[in-house]
Amino acid sequence: MAIIITDECINCGACEPECPNNAIYEAGADWAISDGTGVTGLYTLEGGVETTADEQHKPISDEVYYIVPDKCTECQGFHEEPQCAAVCPVDCCVPDPDREETEEELLARKERLHL
């Protein structure tokens, strides 16, 4: 499952530089699949929506840092545990119960993001 940042976030930013997929964004910031990844050209997002790698998408949150689920791999293939959760001083980086994914799915996403 992807990790989410709850509204208990204090916007400290400790999580953002720890993400190997550049999946974490500051509140209100636009995001793109290509940010910090090796993706170019067309990319299919969750739900089958096609986008270009550089297309800017609207922020998921305007109030707290947020994680783009299409870029989150729970640090599979990089670290033993999600690094955002490991460094969060208020424990607001938690598994998203609405997005249960297997280790294989997360590793496949990692491969798609880091060509």
PDB file of N, CA and C in Angstrom:
ATOM      1  N   MET A   1       0.839  -1.182   0.000  1.00  0.00           N
ATOM      2  CA  MET A   1       0.000   0.000   0.000  1.00  0.00           C
ATOM      3  C   MET A   1       0.877   1.235   0.000  1.00  0.00           C
ATOM      4  N   ALA A   2       0.400   2.284  -0.566  1.00  0.00           N
ATOM      5  CA  ALA A   2       1.133   3.541  -0.541  1.00  0.00           C
ATOM      6  C   ALA A   2       1.060   4.126   0.867  1.00  0.00           C
ATOM      7  N   ILE A   3       1.954   5.027   1.125  1.00  0.00           N
ATOM      8  CA  ILE A   3       1.961   5.741   2.404  1.00  0.00           C
ATOM      9  C   ILE A   3       1.205   7.050   2.198  1.00  0.00           C
ATOM     10  N   ILE A   4       0.491   7.497   3.221  1.00  0.00           N
ATOM     11  CA  ILE A   4      -0.164   8.805   3.182  1.00  0.00           C
ATOM     12  C   ILE A   4       0.366   9.645   4.329  1.00  0.00           C
ATOM     13  N   ILE A   5       0.205  10.938   4.198  1.00  0.00           N
ATOM     14  CA  ILE A   5       0.562  11.869   5.265  1.00  0.00           C
ATOM     15  C   ILE A   5      -0.748  12.400   5.818  1.00  0.00           C
ATOM     16  N   THR A   6      -0.959  12.215   7.097  1.00  0.00           N
ATOM     17  CA  THR A   6      -2.215  12.625   7.720  1.00  0.00           C
ATOM     18  C   THR A   6      -2.203  14.122   8.023  1.00  0.00           C
ATOM     19  N   ASP A   7      -3.363  14.614   8.427  1.00  0.00           N
ATOM     20  CA  ASP A   7      -3.477  16.050   8.721  1.00  0.00           C
ATOM     21  C   ASP A   7      -2.795  16.448  10.032  1.00  0.00           C
ATOM     22  N   GLU A   8      -2.178  15.481  10.715  1.00  0.00           N
ATOM     23  CA  GLU A   8      -1.369  15.820  11.891  1.00  0.00           C
ATOM     24  C   GLU A   8       0.000  16.376  11.487  1.00  0.00           C
ATOM     25  N   CYS A   9       0.296  16.366  10.180  1.00  0.00           N
ATOM     26  CA  CYS A   9       1.572  16.854   9.666  1.00  0.00           C
ATOM     27  C   CYS A   9       1.824  18.287  10.140  1.00  0.00           C
ATOM     28  N   ILE A  10       3.058  18.546  10.591  1.00  0.00           N
ATOM     29  CA  ILE A  10       3.434  19.886  11.049  1.00  0.00           C
ATOM     30  C   ILE A  10       4.225  20.637   9.978  1.00  0.00           C
ATOM     31  N   ASN A  11       4.269  20.086   8.763  1.00  0.00           N
ATOM     32  CA  ASN A  11       4.954  20.721   7.628  1.00  0.00           C
ATOM     33  C   ASN A  11       6.425  21.008   7.913  1.00  0.00           C
ATOM     34  N   CYS A  12       7.086  20.079   8.588  1.00  0.00           N
ATOM     35  CA  CYS A  12       8.508  20.270   8.906  1.00  0.00           C
ATOM     36  C   CYS A  12       9.404  19.982   7.706  1.00  0.00           C
ATOM     37  N   GLY A  13       8.920  19.129   6.779  1.00  0.00           N
ATOM     38  CA  GLY A  13       9.683  18.813   5.582  1.00  0.00           C
ATOM     39  C   GLY A  13      10.742  17.742   5.755  1.00  0.00           C
ATOM     40  N   ALA A  14      10.816  17.105   6.907  1.00  0.00           N
ATOM     41  CA  ALA A  14      11.841  16.073   7.136  1.00  0.00           C
ATOM     42  C   ALA A  14      11.703  14.900   6.173  1.00  0.00           C
ATOM     43  N   CYS A  15      10.504  14.594   5.759  1.00  0.00           N
ATOM     44  CA  CYS A  15      10.243  13.432   4.910  1.00  0.00           C
ATOM     45  C   CYS A  15      10.663  13.638   3.457  1.00  0.00           C
ATOM     46  N   GLU A  16      10.500  14.824   2.947  1.00  0.00           N
ATOM     47  CA  GLU A  16      10.687  15.073   1.510  1.00  0.00           C
ATOM     48  C   GLU A  16      12.045  14.625   0.970  1.00  0.00           C
ATOM     49  N   PRO A  17      13.165  15.017   1.582  1.00  0.00           N
ATOM     50  CA  PRO A  17      14.452  14.600   1.016  1.00  0.00           C
ATOM     51  C   PRO A  17      14.770  13.119   1.203  1.00  0.00           C
ATOM     52  N   GLU A  18      14.028  12.432   2.039  1.00  0.00           N
ATOM     53  CA  GLU A  18      14.280  11.018   2.305  1.00  0.00           C
ATOM     54  C   GLU A  18      13.673  10.096   1.257  1.00  0.00           C
ATOM     55  N   CYS A  19      12.734  10.593   0.473  1.00  0.00           N
ATOM     56  CA  CYS A  19      12.001   9.745  -0.473  1.00  0.00           C
ATOM     57  C   CYS A  19      12.840   9.443  -1.708  1.00  0.00           C
ATOM     58  N   PRO A  20      13.145   8.162  -1.967  1.00  0.00           N
ATOM     59  CA  PRO A  20      13.957   7.801  -3.128  1.00  0.00           C
ATOM     60  C   PRO A  20      13.218   7.957  -4.461  1.00  0.00           C
ATOM     61  N   ASN A  21      11.908   8.160  -4.405  1.00  0.00           N
ATOM     62  CA  ASN A  21      11.104   8.295  -5.613  1.00  0.00           C
ATOM     63  C   ASN A  21      10.645   9.731  -5.875  1.00  0.00           C
ATOM     64  N   ASN A  22      11.050  10.646  -5.024  1.00  0.00           N
ATOM     65  CA  ASN A  22      10.565  12.024  -5.114  1.00  0.00           C
ATOM     66  C   ASN A  22       9.036  12.051  -5.179  1.00  0.00           C
ATOM     67  N   ALA A  23       8.418  11.256  -4.328  1.00  0.00           N
ATOM     68  CA  ALA A  23       6.957  11.152  -4.294  1.00  0.00           C
ATOM     69  C   ALA A  23       6.325  12.122  -3.316  1.00  0.00           C
ATOM     70  N   ILE A  24       7.134  12.809  -2.511  1.00  0.00           N
ATOM     71  CA  ILE A  24       6.616  13.691  -1.470  1.00  0.00           C
ATOM     72  C   ILE A  24       6.770  15.138  -1.912  1.00  0.00           C
ATOM     73  N   TYR A  25       5.680  15.877  -1.766  1.00  0.00           N
ATOM     74  CA  TYR A  25       5.641  17.271  -2.198  1.00  0.00           C
ATOM     75  C   TYR A  25       5.130  18.169  -1.079  1.00  0.00           C
ATOM     76  N   GLU A  26       5.599  19.393  -1.103  1.00  0.00           N
ATOM     77  CA  GLU A  26       5.141  20.405  -0.157  1.00  0.00           C
ATOM     78  C   GLU A  26       3.684  20.753  -0.457  1.00  0.00           C
ATOM     79  N   ALA A  27       2.942  21.115   0.554  1.00  0.00           N
ATOM     80  CA  ALA A  27       1.544  21.503   0.374  1.00  0.00           C
ATOM     81  C   ALA A  27       1.431  22.558  -0.717  1.00  0.00           C
ATOM     82  N   GLY A  28       0.492  22.347  -1.630  1.00  0.00           N
ATOM     83  CA  GLY A  28       0.232  23.315  -2.677  1.00  0.00           C
ATOM     84  C   GLY A  28       1.125  23.219  -3.899  1.00  0.00           C
ATOM     85  N   ALA A  29       2.131  22.358  -3.871  1.00  0.00           N
ATOM     86  CA  ALA A  29       3.063  22.229  -4.996  1.00  0.00           C
ATOM     87  C   ALA A  29       2.508  21.273  -6.045  1.00  0.00           C
ATOM     88  N   ASP A  30       2.634  21.656  -7.320  1.00  0.00           N
ATOM     89  CA  ASP A  30       2.277  20.755  -8.412  1.00  0.00           C
ATOM     90  C   ASP A  30       3.282  19.606  -8.449  1.00  0.00           C
ATOM     91  N   TRP A  31       2.902  18.495  -9.074  1.00  0.00           N
ATOM     92  CA  TRP A  31       3.786  17.340  -9.172  1.00  0.00           C
ATOM     93  C   TRP A  31       3.791  16.785 -10.592  1.00  0.00           C
ATOM     94  N   ALA A  32       4.850  16.063 -10.918  1.00  0.00           N
ATOM     95  CA  ALA A  32       4.973  15.383 -12.201  1.00  0.00           C
ATOM     96  C   ALA A  32       5.658  14.039 -11.975  1.00  0.00           C
ATOM     97  N   ILE A  33       5.315  13.061 -12.780  1.00  0.00           N
ATOM     98  CA  ILE A  33       5.937  11.736 -12.682  1.00  0.00           C
ATOM     99  C   ILE A  33       7.445  11.845 -12.896  1.00  0.00           C
ATOM    100  N   SER A  34       7.893  12.723 -13.767  1.00  0.00           N
ATOM    101  CA  SER A  34       9.318  12.829 -14.091  1.00  0.00           C
ATOM    102  C   SER A  34      10.165  13.412 -12.966  1.00  0.00           C
ATOM    103  N   ASP A  35       9.556  14.076 -12.004  1.00  0.00           N
ATOM    104  CA  ASP A  35      10.321  14.675 -10.903  1.00  0.00           C
ATOM    105  C   ASP A  35      11.124  13.611 -10.165  1.00  0.00           C
ATOM    106  N   GLY A  36      12.441  13.636 -10.321  1.00  0.00           N
ATOM    107  CA  GLY A  36      13.304  12.725  -9.594  1.00  0.00           C
ATOM    108  C   GLY A  36      13.270  11.280 -10.042  1.00  0.00           C
ATOM    109  N   THR A  37      12.697  11.015 -11.201  1.00  0.00           N
ATOM    110  CA  THR A  37      12.643   9.647 -11.715  1.00  0.00           C
ATOM    111  C   THR A  37      13.289   9.606 -13.096  1.00  0.00           C
ATOM    112  N   GLY A  38      13.337   8.438 -13.686  1.00  0.00           N
ATOM    113  CA  GLY A  38      13.884   8.290 -15.025  1.00  0.00           C
ATOM    114  C   GLY A  38      12.814   8.230 -16.096  1.00  0.00           C
ATOM    115  N   VAL A  39      11.576   8.556 -15.755  1.00  0.00           N
ATOM    116  CA  VAL A  39      10.461   8.425 -16.681  1.00  0.00           C
ATOM    117  C   VAL A  39      10.461   9.559 -17.704  1.00  0.00           C
ATOM    118  N   THR A  40      10.261   9.178 -18.962  1.00  0.00           N
ATOM    119  CA  THR A  40      10.071  10.138 -20.047  1.00  0.00           C
ATOM    120  C   THR A  40       8.894   9.662 -20.893  1.00  0.00           C
ATOM    121  N   GLY A  41       8.373  10.541 -21.714  1.00  0.00           N
ATOM    122  CA  GLY A  41       7.281  10.156 -22.611  1.00  0.00           C
ATOM    123  C   GLY A  41       5.978   9.917 -21.878  1.00  0.00           C
ATOM    124  N   LEU A  42       5.184   8.969 -22.391  1.00  0.00           N
ATOM    125  CA  LEU A  42       3.881   8.670 -21.799  1.00  0.00           C
ATOM    126  C   LEU A  42       4.024   7.751 -20.585  1.00  0.00           C
ATOM    127  N   TYR A  43       3.126   7.935 -19.642  1.00  0.00           N
ATOM    128  CA  TYR A  43       3.119   7.123 -18.426  1.00  0.00           C
ATOM    129  C   TYR A  43       1.655   6.904 -18.044  1.00  0.00           C
ATOM    130  N   THR A  44       1.318   5.686 -17.656  1.00  0.00           N
ATOM    131  CA  THR A  44      -0.043   5.379 -17.247  1.00  0.00           C
ATOM    132  C   THR A  44      -0.146   5.422 -15.730  1.00  0.00           C
ATOM    133  N   LEU A  45      -1.005   6.310 -15.245  1.00  0.00           N
ATOM    134  CA  LEU A  45      -1.233   6.464 -13.810  1.00  0.00           C
ATOM    135  C   LEU A  45      -2.220   5.418 -13.313  1.00  0.00           C
ATOM    136  N   GLU A  46      -2.341   5.347 -11.998  1.00  0.00           N
ATOM    137  CA  GLU A  46      -3.319   4.476 -11.354  1.00  0.00           C
ATOM    138  C   GLU A  46      -4.693   4.752 -11.952  1.00  0.00           C
ATOM    139  N   GLY A  47      -5.432   3.726 -12.241  1.00  0.00           N
ATOM    140  CA  GLY A  47      -6.754   3.909 -12.825  1.00  0.00           C
ATOM    141  C   GLY A  47      -6.743   3.995 -14.338  1.00  0.00           C
ATOM    142  N   GLY A  48      -5.563   3.831 -14.954  1.00  0.00           N
ATOM    143  CA  GLY A  48      -5.475   3.813 -16.404  1.00  0.00           C
ATOM    144  C   GLY A  48      -5.377   5.163 -17.083  1.00  0.00           C
ATOM    145  N   VAL A  49      -5.234   6.238 -16.330  1.00  0.00           N
ATOM    146  CA  VAL A  49      -5.126   7.579 -16.911  1.00  0.00           C
ATOM    147  C   VAL A  49      -3.726   7.768 -17.488  1.00  0.00           C
ATOM    148  N   GLU A  50      -3.654   8.153 -18.766  1.00  0.00           N
ATOM    149  CA  GLU A  50      -2.354   8.406 -19.391  1.00  0.00           C
ATOM    150  C   GLU A  50      -1.964   9.863 -19.233  1.00  0.00           C
ATOM    151  N   THR A  51      -0.673  10.084 -18.995  1.00  0.00           N
ATOM    152  CA  THR A  51      -0.125  11.421 -18.857  1.00  0.00           C
ATOM    153  C   THR A  51       1.251  11.432 -19.497  1.00  0.00           C
ATOM    154  N   THR A  52       1.772  12.607 -19.721  1.00  0.00           N
ATOM    155  CA  THR A  52       3.169  12.684 -20.124  1.00  0.00           C
ATOM    156  C   THR A  52       3.984  12.815 -18.849  1.00  0.00           C
ATOM    157  N   ALA A  53       5.200  12.364 -18.886  1.00  0.00           N
ATOM    158  CA  ALA A  53       6.040  12.363 -17.686  1.00  0.00           C
ATOM    159  C   ALA A  53       6.214  13.752 -17.091  1.00  0.00           C
ATOM    160  N   ASP A  54       6.289  14.765 -17.949  1.00  0.00           N
ATOM    161  CA  ASP A  54       6.530  16.129 -17.468  1.00  0.00           C
ATOM    162  C   ASP A  54       5.262  16.922 -17.168  1.00  0.00           C
ATOM    163  N   GLU A  55       4.101  16.336 -17.441  1.00  0.00           N
ATOM    164  CA  GLU A  55       2.851  17.071 -17.189  1.00  0.00           C
ATOM    165  C   GLU A  55       2.719  17.417 -15.713  1.00  0.00           C
ATOM    166  N   GLN A  56       2.396  18.657 -15.446  1.00  0.00           N
ATOM    167  CA  GLN A  56       2.212  19.120 -14.074  1.00  0.00           C
ATOM    168  C   GLN A  56       0.787  18.802 -13.625  1.00  0.00           C
ATOM    169  N   HIS A  57       0.672  18.163 -12.461  1.00  0.00           N
ATOM    170  CA  HIS A  57      -0.621  17.797 -11.896  1.00  0.00           C
ATOM    171  C   HIS A  57      -0.891  18.645 -10.665  1.00  0.00           C
ATOM    172  N   LYS A  58      -2.167  18.867 -10.400  1.00  0.00           N
ATOM    173  CA  LYS A  58      -2.560  19.686  -9.254  1.00  0.00           C
ATOM    174  C   LYS A  58      -2.156  19.003  -7.948  1.00  0.00           C
ATOM    175  N   PRO A  59      -1.889  19.812  -6.932  1.00  0.00           N
ATOM    176  CA  PRO A  59      -1.512  19.245  -5.626  1.00  0.00           C
ATOM    177  C   PRO A  59      -2.614  18.365  -5.043  1.00  0.00           C
ATOM    178  N   ILE A  60      -2.203  17.348  -4.334  1.00  0.00           N
ATOM    179  CA  ILE A  60      -3.152  16.480  -3.643  1.00  0.00           C
ATOM    180  C   ILE A  60      -3.621  17.150  -2.358  1.00  0.00           C
ATOM    181  N   SER A  61      -2.770  18.006  -1.784  1.00  0.00           N
ATOM    182  CA  SER A  61      -3.126  18.748  -0.577  1.00  0.00           C
ATOM    183  C   SER A  61      -2.585  20.170  -0.668  1.00  0.00           C
ATOM    184  N   ASP A  62      -3.381  21.098  -0.196  1.00  0.00           N
ATOM    185  CA  ASP A  62      -2.951  22.493  -0.107  1.00  0.00           C
ATOM    186  C   ASP A  62      -2.593  22.867   1.329  1.00  0.00           C
ATOM    187  N   GLU A  63      -2.690  21.901   2.246  1.00  0.00           N
ATOM    188  CA  GLU A  63      -2.491  22.213   3.659  1.00  0.00           C
ATOM    189  C   GLU A  63      -1.281  21.536   4.290  1.00  0.00           C
ATOM    190  N   VAL A  64      -0.981  20.316   3.876  1.00  0.00           N
ATOM    191  CA  VAL A  64       0.164  19.584   4.442  1.00  0.00           C
ATOM    192  C   VAL A  64       0.943  18.914   3.320  1.00  0.00           C
ATOM    193  N   TYR A  65       2.164  18.499   3.620  1.00  0.00           N
ATOM    194  CA  TYR A  65       2.929  17.716   2.658  1.00  0.00           C
ATOM    195  C   TYR A  65       2.074  16.531   2.226  1.00  0.00           C
ATOM    196  N   TYR A  66       2.317  16.046   1.013  1.00  0.00           N
ATOM    197  CA  TYR A  66       1.540  14.913   0.526  1.00  0.00           C
ATOM    198  C   TYR A  66       2.422  13.968  -0.281  1.00  0.00           C
ATOM    199  N   ILE A  67       1.942  12.737  -0.431  1.00  0.00           N
ATOM    200  CA  ILE A  67       2.647  11.696  -1.181  1.00  0.00           C
ATOM    201  C   ILE A  67       1.804  11.329  -2.396  1.00  0.00           C
ATOM    202  N   VAL A  68       2.435  11.332  -3.567  1.00  0.00           N
ATOM    203  CA  VAL A  68       1.759  10.925  -4.803  1.00  0.00           C
ATOM    204  C   VAL A  68       1.745   9.396  -4.829  1.00  0.00           C
ATOM    205  N   PRO A  69       0.570   8.776  -4.753  1.00  0.00           N
ATOM    206  CA  PRO A  69       0.501   7.307  -4.694  1.00  0.00           C
ATOM    207  C   PRO A  69       1.121   6.626  -5.912  1.00  0.00           C
ATOM    208  N   ASP A  70       1.041   7.262  -7.080  1.00  0.00           N
ATOM    209  CA  ASP A  70       1.616   6.678  -8.291  1.00  0.00           C
ATOM    210  C   ASP A  70       3.138   6.640  -8.254  1.00  0.00           C
ATOM    211  N   LYS A  71       3.752   7.319  -7.287  1.00  0.00           N
ATOM    212  CA  LYS A  71       5.206   7.331  -7.184  1.00  0.00           C
ATOM    213  C   LYS A  71       5.710   6.633  -5.924  1.00  0.00           C
ATOM    214  N   CYS A  72       4.821   6.304  -5.008  1.00  0.00           N
ATOM    215  CA  CYS A  72       5.221   5.697  -3.735  1.00  0.00           C
ATOM    216  C   CYS A  72       5.428   4.196  -3.893  1.00  0.00           C
ATOM    217  N   THR A  73       6.579   3.728  -3.442  1.00  0.00           N
ATOM    218  CA  THR A  73       6.874   2.293  -3.438  1.00  0.00           C
ATOM    219  C   THR A  73       7.128   1.774  -2.027  1.00  0.00           C
ATOM    220  N   GLU A  74       6.782   2.585  -1.027  1.00  0.00           N
ATOM    221  CA  GLU A  74       7.071   2.251   0.374  1.00  0.00           C
ATOM    222  C   GLU A  74       8.554   1.953   0.567  1.00  0.00           C
ATOM    223  N   CYS A  75       9.382   2.534  -0.297  1.00  0.00           N
ATOM    224  CA  CYS A  75      10.843   2.367  -0.284  1.00  0.00           C
ATOM    225  C   CYS A  75      11.292   0.947  -0.617  1.00  0.00           C
ATOM    226  N   GLN A  76      10.377   0.109  -1.149  1.00  0.00           N
ATOM    227  CA  GLN A  76      10.744  -1.245  -1.561  1.00  0.00           C
ATOM    228  C   GLN A  76      11.866  -1.166  -2.599  1.00  0.00           C
ATOM    229  N   GLY A  77      12.882  -1.984  -2.416  1.00  0.00           N
ATOM    230  CA  GLY A  77      14.016  -1.986  -3.333  1.00  0.00           C
ATOM    231  C   GLY A  77      15.068  -0.956  -2.996  1.00  0.00           C
ATOM    232  N   PHE A  78      14.794  -0.105  -2.015  1.00  0.00           N
ATOM    233  CA  PHE A  78      15.741   0.918  -1.578  1.00  0.00           C
ATOM    234  C   PHE A  78      16.124   0.746  -0.107  1.00  0.00           C
ATOM    235  N   HIS A  79      15.115   0.582   0.749  1.00  0.00           N
ATOM    236  CA  HIS A  79      15.314   0.535   2.199  1.00  0.00           C
ATOM    237  C   HIS A  79      14.425  -0.538   2.822  1.00  0.00           C
ATOM    238  N   GLU A  80      14.723  -0.885   4.044  1.00  0.00           N
ATOM    239  CA  GLU A  80      13.952  -1.896   4.764  1.00  0.00           C
ATOM    240  C   GLU A  80      12.571  -1.395   5.195  1.00  0.00           C
ATOM    241  N   GLU A  81      12.423  -0.071   5.354  1.00  0.00           N
ATOM    242  CA  GLU A  81      11.159   0.508   5.797  1.00  0.00           C
ATOM    243  C   GLU A  81      10.955   1.846   5.107  1.00  0.00           C
ATOM    244  N   PRO A  82       9.720   2.332   5.033  1.00  0.00           N
ATOM    245  CA  PRO A  82       9.473   3.639   4.437  1.00  0.00           C
ATOM    246  C   PRO A  82      10.239   4.729   5.198  1.00  0.00           C
ATOM    247  N   GLN A  83      11.078   5.434   4.489  1.00  0.00           N
ATOM    248  CA  GLN A  83      11.937   6.427   5.128  1.00  0.00           C
ATOM    249  C   GLN A  83      11.172   7.641   5.629  1.00  0.00           C
ATOM    250  N   CYS A  84      10.068   7.982   4.974  1.00  0.00           N
ATOM    251  CA  CYS A  84       9.266   9.113   5.456  1.00  0.00           C
ATOM    252  C   CYS A  84       8.762   8.833   6.867  1.00  0.00           C
ATOM    253  N   ALA A  85       8.269   7.609   7.079  1.00  0.00           N
ATOM    254  CA  ALA A  85       7.756   7.228   8.394  1.00  0.00           C
ATOM    255  C   ALA A  85       8.883   7.173   9.419  1.00  0.00           C
ATOM    256  N   ALA A  86      10.057   6.738   8.987  1.00  0.00           N
ATOM    257  CA  ALA A  86      11.187   6.608   9.908  1.00  0.00           C
ATOM    258  C   ALA A  86      11.658   7.957  10.445  1.00  0.00           C
ATOM    259  N   VAL A  87      11.561   9.012   9.643  1.00  0.00           N
ATOM    260  CA  VAL A  87      12.073  10.319  10.069  1.00  0.00           C
ATOM    261  C   VAL A  87      10.993  11.268  10.572  1.00  0.00           C
ATOM    262  N   CYS A  88       9.724  10.924  10.420  1.00  0.00           N
ATOM    263  CA  CYS A  88       8.641  11.827  10.800  1.00  0.00           C
ATOM    264  C   CYS A  88       8.585  12.012  12.316  1.00  0.00           C
ATOM    265  N   PRO A  89       8.710  13.261  12.781  1.00  0.00           N
ATOM    266  CA  PRO A  89       8.710  13.497  14.237  1.00  0.00           C
ATOM    267  C   PRO A  89       7.334  13.363  14.885  1.00  0.00           C
ATOM    268  N   VAL A  90       6.267  13.366  14.094  1.00  0.00           N
ATOM    269  CA  VAL A  90       4.925  13.271  14.673  1.00  0.00           C
ATOM    270  C   VAL A  90       4.165  12.022  14.193  1.00  0.00           C
ATOM    271  N   ASP A  91       4.874  11.096  13.559  1.00  0.00           N
ATOM    272  CA  ASP A  91       4.289   9.825  13.115  1.00  0.00           C
ATOM    273  C   ASP A  91       3.036  10.001  12.260  1.00  0.00           C
ATOM    274  N   CYS A  92       3.098  10.930  11.295  1.00  0.00           N
ATOM    275  CA  CYS A  92       1.926  11.144  10.438  1.00  0.00           C
ATOM    276  C   CYS A  92       2.061  10.491   9.066  1.00  0.00           C
ATOM    277  N   CYS A  93       3.162   9.789   8.811  1.00  0.00           N
ATOM    278  CA  CYS A  93       3.334   9.037   7.566  1.00  0.00           C
ATOM    279  C   CYS A  93       2.931   7.599   7.859  1.00  0.00           C
ATOM    280  N   VAL A  94       1.762   7.226   7.369  1.00  0.00           N
ATOM    281  CA  VAL A  94       1.179   5.932   7.715  1.00  0.00           C
ATOM    282  C   VAL A  94       0.704   5.201   6.458  1.00  0.00           C
ATOM    283  N   PRO A  95       0.567   3.870   6.526  1.00  0.00           N
ATOM    284  CA  PRO A  95       0.043   3.120   5.380  1.00  0.00           C
ATOM    285  C   PRO A  95      -1.373   3.583   5.025  1.00  0.00           C
ATOM    286  N   ASP A  96      -1.645   3.673   3.735  1.00  0.00           N
ATOM    287  CA  ASP A  96      -2.969   4.046   3.244  1.00  0.00           C
ATOM    288  C   ASP A  96      -3.823   2.786   3.163  1.00  0.00           C
ATOM    289  N   PRO A  97      -4.827   2.647   4.016  1.00  0.00           N
ATOM    290  CA  PRO A  97      -5.640   1.429   4.010  1.00  0.00           C
ATOM    291  C   PRO A  97      -6.472   1.266   2.734  1.00  0.00           C
ATOM    292  N   ASP A  98      -6.602   2.324   1.951  1.00  0.00           N
ATOM    293  CA  ASP A  98      -7.370   2.261   0.710  1.00  0.00           C
ATOM    294  C   ASP A  98      -6.533   1.804  -0.480  1.00  0.00           C
ATOM    295  N   ARG A  99      -5.221   1.599  -0.272  1.00  0.00           N
ATOM    296  CA  ARG A  99      -4.336   1.212  -1.373  1.00  0.00           C
ATOM    297  C   ARG A  99      -3.436   0.061  -0.939  1.00  0.00           C
ATOM    298  N   GLU A 100      -4.005  -1.112  -0.813  1.00  0.00           N
ATOM    299  CA  GLU A 100      -3.204  -2.267  -0.443  1.00  0.00           C
ATOM    300  C   GLU A 100      -2.509  -2.812  -1.679  1.00  0.00           C
ATOM    301  N   GLU A 101      -1.182  -2.902  -1.627  1.00  0.00           N
ATOM    302  CA  GLU A 101      -0.392  -3.392  -2.745  1.00  0.00           C
ATOM    303  C   GLU A 101       0.603  -4.426  -2.245  1.00  0.00           C
ATOM    304  N   THR A 102       0.920  -5.375  -3.104  1.00  0.00           N
ATOM    305  CA  THR A 102       1.880  -6.404  -2.735  1.00  0.00           C
ATOM    306  C   THR A 102       3.304  -5.872  -2.928  1.00  0.00           C
ATOM    307  N   GLU A 103       4.254  -6.576  -2.348  1.00  0.00           N
ATOM    308  CA  GLU A 103       5.659  -6.226  -2.542  1.00  0.00           C
ATOM    309  C   GLU A 103       6.015  -6.270  -4.029  1.00  0.00           C
ATOM    310  N   GLU A 104       5.471  -7.248  -4.742  1.00  0.00           N
ATOM    311  CA  GLU A 104       5.735  -7.371  -6.178  1.00  0.00           C
ATOM    312  C   GLU A 104       5.225  -6.155  -6.943  1.00  0.00           C
ATOM    313  N   GLU A 105       4.034  -5.672  -6.587  1.00  0.00           N
ATOM    314  CA  GLU A 105       3.482  -4.480  -7.243  1.00  0.00           C
ATOM    315  C   GLU A 105       4.343  -3.248  -6.969  1.00  0.00           C
ATOM    316  N   LEU A 106       4.798  -3.123  -5.732  1.00  0.00           N
ATOM    317  CA  LEU A 106       5.632  -1.977  -5.365  1.00  0.00           C
ATOM    318  C   LEU A 106       6.982  -2.024  -6.075  1.00  0.00           C
ATOM    319  N   LEU A 107       7.563  -3.213  -6.172  1.00  0.00           N
ATOM    320  CA  LEU A 107       8.844  -3.349  -6.879  1.00  0.00           C
ATOM    321  C   LEU A 107       8.683  -3.105  -8.383  1.00  0.00           C
ATOM    322  N   ALA A 108       7.558  -3.513  -8.939  1.00  0.00           N
ATOM    323  CA  ALA A 108       7.291  -3.247 -10.359  1.00  0.00           C
ATOM    324  C   ALA A 108       7.175  -1.745 -10.597  1.00  0.00           C
ATOM    325  N   ARG A 109       6.530  -1.023  -9.683  1.00  0.00           N
ATOM    326  CA  ARG A 109       6.424   0.434  -9.797  1.00  0.00           C
ATOM    327  C   ARG A 109       7.811   1.065  -9.722  1.00  0.00           C
ATOM    328  N   LYS A 110       8.636   0.570  -8.812  1.00  0.00           N
ATOM    329  CA  LYS A 110      10.004   1.079  -8.703  1.00  0.00           C
ATOM    330  C   LYS A 110      10.717   0.941 -10.035  1.00  0.00           C
ATOM    331  N   GLU A 111      10.585  -0.215 -10.678  1.00  0.00           N
ATOM    332  CA  GLU A 111      11.242  -0.446 -11.963  1.00  0.00           C
ATOM    333  C   GLU A 111      10.723   0.498 -13.052  1.00  0.00           C
ATOM    334  N   ARG A 112       9.434   0.785 -13.023  1.00  0.00           N
ATOM    335  CA  ARG A 112       8.854   1.708 -13.999  1.00  0.00           C
ATOM    336  C   ARG A 112       9.337   3.138 -13.791  1.00  0.00           C
ATOM    337  N   LEU A 113       9.558   3.502 -12.519  1.00  0.00           N
ATOM    338  CA  LEU A 113       9.969   4.876 -12.199  1.00  0.00           C
ATOM    339  C   LEU A 113      11.455   5.114 -12.416  1.00  0.00           C
ATOM    340  N   HIS A 114      12.252   4.067 -12.229  1.00  0.00           N
ATOM    341  CA  HIS A 114      13.703   4.206 -12.290  1.00  0.00           C
ATOM    342  C   HIS A 114      14.247   3.295 -13.394  1.00  0.00           C
ATOM    343  N   LEU A 115      14.102   3.743 -14.619  1.00  0.00           N
ATOM    344  CA  LEU A 115      14.492   2.974 -15.802  1.00  0.00           C
ATOM    345  C   LEU A 115      15.968   2.690 -15.836  1.00  0.00           C
TER     346      LEU A 115
END
